[in-house]
């Protein structure tokens, strides 16, 4: 279907299809405007055009069920990654497209990834829609779960910031740009050691973590333990705290000085 950016109304879309010989088994009053691909499906129109209205999920959803109607029993899922790329689901190796399809099935079953959003479009308007992204939501959560284990703090923080920027670039259709290539190069470097296995549970719209392992894990149980022994002396934190808080201390002293001069 032609995008809503170029069509003024749902009726325009219906008329467009009729004029081009496209048979539609519905009319404008009984259909949402939907766009679907491997990653997700989006819904617009009808009651969604008024942000005050609750979505009619019984008629709306295609890939998913609502969390309320999802199974009462949770389901464990394991995934493996190699250099940031998903390789298997529940022990079965598959192509990435097949993994997304399988995660769509699992996530849709358990009500994962249903989002009601008012977005800011590139052309300037606000648009309200409901998105179903069950597989993509699971994939991103599993990937984040592994990244937290293998990336250092500074790199992980920048990765999150650039991830938002990368999403904006793609959303605006700027794939073939130097900026996208530059951010892509950074991302490629961060993914070199994102290898390992993650485990989680799916339950009524929730993705509940159940453990992760990686040969490149930066987590040290001996350092994180409350009984660290010789590897980490808690008294070393005293100097760090003093230096880390020094700018705030200096500012507080200066403000105290300024206030005293006013009296």
Protein backbone atom coordinates (compact mmCIF):
# COMPACT_ATOMS: atom_id res chain seq x y z
CA UNK A 1 0.00 0.00 0.00
CA UNK A 2 1.08 3.57 -0.64
CA UNK A 3 2.44 5.18 2.50
CA UNK A 4 0.31 7.55 4.54
CA UNK A 5 2.86 10.30 3.84
CA UNK A 6 1.64 10.51 0.25
CA UNK A 7 -2.00 9.67 0.84
CA UNK A 8 -4.28 12.17 2.59
CA UNK A 9 -6.69 9.58 4.02
CA UNK A 10 -7.55 5.90 4.26
CA UNK A 11 -10.22 6.51 1.61
CA UNK A 12 -7.49 7.72 -0.74
CA UNK A 13 -5.65 4.43 -0.27
CA UNK A 14 -8.79 2.41 -1.03
CA UNK A 15 -9.48 4.52 -4.16
CA UNK A 16 -5.85 4.08 -5.25
CA UNK A 17 -6.13 0.31 -5.02
CA UNK A 18 -9.42 0.22 -6.89
CA UNK A 19 -8.04 2.43 -9.65
CA UNK A 20 -5.12 0.05 -10.11
CA UNK A 21 -7.22 -3.08 -10.15
CA UNK A 22 -6.24 -4.28 -6.66
CA UNK A 23 -9.07 -6.28 -5.13
CA UNK A 24 -9.61 -5.50 -1.45
CA UNK A 25 -11.92 -7.64 0.73
CA UNK A 26 -12.76 -4.69 3.00
CA UNK A 27 -13.77 -1.03 2.95
CA UNK A 28 -12.30 2.04 4.59
CA UNK A 29 -14.51 1.75 7.66
CA UNK A 30 -13.43 -1.78 8.55
CA UNK A 31 -9.69 -1.88 8.03
CA UNK A 32 -6.51 -0.52 9.56
CA UNK A 33 -3.66 0.77 7.45
CA UNK A 34 -1.00 -1.91 7.86
CA UNK A 35 2.61 -2.29 6.74
CA UNK A 36 4.26 -5.67 7.30
CA UNK A 37 7.72 -7.08 6.77
CA UNK A 38 9.94 -9.73 8.33
CA UNK A 39 10.69 -7.51 11.32
CA UNK A 40 7.21 -6.35 12.36
CA UNK A 41 3.76 -5.10 11.40
CA UNK A 42 2.43 -1.58 12.01
CA UNK A 43 -1.21 -0.53 12.39
CA UNK A 44 -2.73 2.91 11.84
CA UNK A 45 -6.18 4.34 11.25
CA UNK A 46 -9.67 3.81 12.65
CA UNK A 47 -9.78 4.35 16.44
CA UNK A 48 -6.00 4.85 16.54
CA UNK A 49 -6.34 8.23 14.82
CA UNK A 50 -7.59 9.65 18.12
CA UNK A 51 -4.90 9.33 20.83
CA UNK A 52 -7.67 9.34 23.45
CA UNK A 53 -8.95 5.96 22.23
CA UNK A 54 -7.72 2.62 23.53
CA UNK A 55 -6.63 0.26 20.74
CA UNK A 56 -9.09 -2.47 19.88
CA UNK A 57 -6.55 -5.25 20.22
CA UNK A 58 -9.07 -8.01 19.49
CA UNK A 59 -9.40 -6.73 15.90
CA UNK A 60 -5.95 -5.20 15.63
CA UNK A 61 -3.30 -7.82 16.36
CA UNK A 62 -1.91 -10.04 13.61
CA UNK A 63 1.38 -11.48 14.88
CA UNK A 64 0.63 -11.47 18.58
CA UNK A 65 -1.82 -12.03 21.36
CA UNK A 66 -2.26 -9.64 24.26
CA UNK A 67 -0.34 -10.42 27.47
CA UNK A 68 -3.68 -11.07 29.19
CA UNK A 69 -4.48 -13.83 26.71
CA UNK A 70 -0.96 -15.27 26.59
CA UNK A 71 -0.30 -18.71 28.13
CA UNK A 72 -0.31 -18.91 31.92
CA UNK A 73 2.94 -20.88 31.81
CA UNK A 74 6.32 -19.33 31.01
CA UNK A 75 8.66 -20.66 28.31
CA UNK A 76 12.45 -20.83 28.46
CA UNK A 77 14.45 -19.79 25.40
CA UNK A 78 18.20 -19.97 24.79
CA UNK A 79 20.06 -18.09 22.06
CA UNK A 80 23.66 -18.04 20.91
CA UNK A 81 25.58 -15.23 19.23
CA UNK A 82 28.90 -15.12 17.37
CA UNK A 83 30.51 -11.69 16.95
CA UNK A 84 27.15 -10.05 17.55
CA UNK A 85 25.25 -12.16 15.03
CA UNK A 86 22.49 -14.52 16.27
CA UNK A 87 23.28 -18.13 15.40
CA UNK A 88 20.79 -20.41 17.12
CA UNK A 89 17.54 -20.62 19.05
CA UNK A 90 17.00 -23.44 21.54
CA UNK A 91 20.00 -25.34 20.19
CA UNK A 92 18.98 -25.17 16.53
CA UNK A 93 21.26 -23.22 14.19
CA UNK A 94 19.41 -21.10 11.64
CA UNK A 95 19.85 -18.21 9.26
CA UNK A 96 19.15 -14.79 10.77
CA UNK A 97 15.90 -14.50 8.81
CA UNK A 98 14.79 -17.87 10.16
CA UNK A 99 15.73 -16.84 13.69
CA UNK A 100 13.58 -13.71 13.42
CA UNK A 101 10.68 -15.80 12.11
CA UNK A 102 11.01 -18.24 15.02
CA UNK A 103 11.28 -15.43 17.56
CA UNK A 104 8.19 -13.82 16.03
CA UNK A 105 6.33 -17.06 16.68
CA UNK A 106 7.56 -17.38 20.25
CA UNK A 107 7.14 -13.71 21.08
CA UNK A 108 3.72 -13.46 19.48
CA UNK A 109 2.56 -16.44 21.50
CA UNK A 110 3.55 -14.74 24.76
CA UNK A 111 2.44 -11.18 23.96
CA UNK A 112 5.94 -9.74 23.54
CA UNK A 113 6.70 -6.48 21.72
CA UNK A 114 3.31 -4.75 21.41
CA UNK A 115 3.84 -0.98 21.43
CA UNK A 116 1.29 1.85 21.28
CA UNK A 117 3.22 4.97 20.27
CA UNK A 118 2.80 8.55 19.10
CA UNK A 119 5.80 9.11 16.86
CA UNK A 120 7.38 12.24 15.43
CA UNK A 121 7.61 11.77 11.69
CA UNK A 122 10.33 13.25 9.51
CA UNK A 123 7.77 15.37 7.64
CA UNK A 124 6.84 17.17 10.87
CA UNK A 125 3.55 15.61 11.93
CA UNK A 126 2.80 13.38 14.87
CA UNK A 127 1.32 9.99 14.04
CA UNK A 128 -0.18 7.41 16.38
CA UNK A 129 0.13 3.71 15.67
CA UNK A 130 0.44 0.28 17.21
CA UNK A 131 3.45 -1.85 16.38
CA UNK A 132 3.89 -5.59 16.79
CA UNK A 133 7.58 -6.52 16.94
CA UNK A 134 7.74 -9.77 18.91
CA UNK A 135 10.87 -11.26 17.33
CA UNK A 136 12.78 -8.02 17.11
CA UNK A 137 12.04 -7.17 20.73
CA UNK A 138 13.37 -10.54 21.90
CA UNK A 139 16.44 -10.31 19.67
CA UNK A 140 17.39 -6.86 20.91
CA UNK A 141 16.90 -7.80 24.56
CA UNK A 142 18.99 -10.97 24.16
CA UNK A 143 21.73 -9.03 22.38
CA UNK A 144 21.76 -6.34 25.08
CA UNK A 145 21.95 -9.05 27.71
CA UNK A 146 25.16 -10.37 26.18
CA UNK A 147 26.66 -6.93 25.50
CA UNK A 148 26.34 -6.01 29.17
CA UNK A 149 28.57 -8.97 29.97
CA UNK A 150 31.38 -8.34 27.46
CA UNK A 151 31.58 -4.58 26.83
CA UNK A 152 33.36 -2.21 29.20
CA UNK A 153 31.39 0.61 30.76
CA UNK A 154 32.58 3.48 28.54
CA UNK A 155 32.14 1.55 25.29
CA UNK A 156 28.70 0.30 26.33
CA UNK A 157 27.51 3.84 27.11
CA UNK A 158 28.67 5.21 23.75
CA UNK A 159 27.22 2.17 21.99
CA UNK A 160 23.77 2.96 23.42
CA UNK A 161 23.98 6.60 22.36
CA UNK A 162 25.14 5.76 18.84
CA UNK A 163 22.50 3.05 18.63
CA UNK A 164 19.81 5.72 18.94
CA UNK A 165 21.57 7.85 16.34
CA UNK A 166 21.91 4.87 14.00
CA UNK A 167 18.17 4.18 14.33
CA UNK A 168 17.39 7.79 13.44
CA UNK A 169 19.61 7.64 10.36
CA UNK A 170 17.91 4.47 9.14
CA UNK A 171 14.45 5.88 9.90
CA UNK A 172 15.23 8.92 7.76
CA UNK A 173 16.36 6.74 4.86
CA UNK A 174 20.00 7.84 5.05
CA UNK A 175 21.61 4.42 4.74
CA UNK A 176 24.04 5.36 1.97
CA UNK A 177 25.72 8.17 3.87
CA UNK A 178 29.20 8.69 5.37
CA UNK A 179 27.67 9.11 8.82
CA UNK A 180 25.96 5.72 8.67
CA UNK A 181 29.21 4.12 7.50
CA UNK A 182 31.17 5.77 10.33
CA UNK A 183 28.75 4.62 13.03
CA UNK A 184 28.63 1.18 11.42
CA UNK A 185 32.42 0.95 11.73
CA UNK A 186 32.17 1.69 15.46
CA UNK A 187 29.43 -0.90 15.90
CA UNK A 188 31.43 -3.52 14.00
CA UNK A 189 34.35 -3.08 16.40
CA UNK A 190 32.12 -3.40 19.46
CA UNK A 191 30.68 -6.67 18.18
CA UNK A 192 33.97 -8.55 17.84
CA UNK A 193 33.59 -10.21 21.25
CA UNK A 194 29.80 -10.32 21.57
CA UNK A 195 29.85 -14.11 21.54
CA UNK A 196 28.12 -16.45 23.92
CA UNK A 197 24.79 -17.83 25.09
CA UNK A 198 21.84 -16.09 26.74
CA UNK A 199 18.86 -17.66 28.45
CA UNK A 200 15.55 -16.03 29.30
CA UNK A 201 11.89 -16.72 30.00
CA UNK A 202 8.89 -15.42 28.07
CA UNK A 203 5.82 -14.77 30.17
CA UNK A 204 2.79 -12.56 29.48
CA UNK A 205 4.58 -9.73 27.69
CA UNK A 206 7.78 -9.99 29.73
CA UNK A 207 11.29 -11.14 28.85
CA UNK A 208 12.80 -12.38 32.09
CA UNK A 209 16.55 -13.00 32.15
CA UNK A 210 17.74 -16.45 33.21
CA UNK A 211 21.52 -16.24 32.80
CA UNK A 212 24.25 -15.63 30.22
CA UNK A 213 27.76 -16.90 29.48
CA UNK A 214 30.58 -15.79 27.21
CA UNK A 215 34.24 -16.72 26.74
CA UNK A 216 34.89 -12.95 26.64
CA UNK A 217 32.94 -12.09 29.79
CA UNK A 218 34.42 -9.18 31.75
CA UNK A 219 32.53 -10.22 34.86
CA UNK A 220 34.84 -11.37 37.63
CA UNK A 221 33.10 -13.18 40.45
CA UNK A 222 36.13 -12.74 42.69
CA UNK A 223 36.01 -8.96 42.19
CA UNK A 224 32.22 -8.65 42.46
CA UNK A 225 32.00 -10.81 45.57
CA UNK A 226 31.48 -9.26 48.99
CA UNK A 227 34.56 -11.23 50.10
CA UNK A 228 37.05 -10.00 47.51
CA UNK A 229 40.21 -10.87 49.40
CA UNK A 230 43.49 -9.60 47.93
CA UNK A 231 42.15 -8.69 44.49
CA UNK A 232 40.31 -5.60 45.69
CA UNK A 233 40.80 -3.57 48.85
CA UNK A 234 37.65 -1.61 49.73
CA UNK A 235 39.79 1.04 51.37
CA UNK A 236 41.13 1.97 47.91
CA UNK A 237 37.74 3.57 47.28
CA UNK A 238 38.43 6.32 49.82
CA UNK A 239 40.84 8.20 47.57
CA UNK A 240 38.67 7.64 44.52
CA UNK A 241 35.61 9.04 46.27
CA UNK A 242 37.52 12.13 47.36
CA UNK A 243 38.81 12.82 43.84
CA UNK A 244 35.55 11.93 42.11
CA UNK A 245 33.59 14.29 44.35
CA UNK A 246 36.18 17.08 44.35
CA UNK A 247 34.41 19.31 41.75
CA UNK A 248 31.18 19.16 43.78
CA UNK A 249 33.07 19.93 46.96
CA UNK A 250 34.78 22.95 45.37
CA UNK A 251 31.47 24.24 44.03
CA UNK A 252 29.78 23.86 47.42
CA UNK A 253 32.60 25.80 49.07
CA UNK A 254 32.33 28.56 46.44
CA UNK A 255 28.54 28.84 46.83
CA UNK A 256 28.95 28.99 50.60
CA UNK A 257 31.47 31.80 50.16
CA UNK A 258 29.14 33.75 47.84
CA UNK A 259 26.21 33.39 50.24
CA UNK A 260 28.29 34.59 53.18
CA UNK A 261 29.26 37.73 51.26
CA UNK A 262 25.60 38.60 50.72
CA UNK A 263 24.97 38.87 54.44
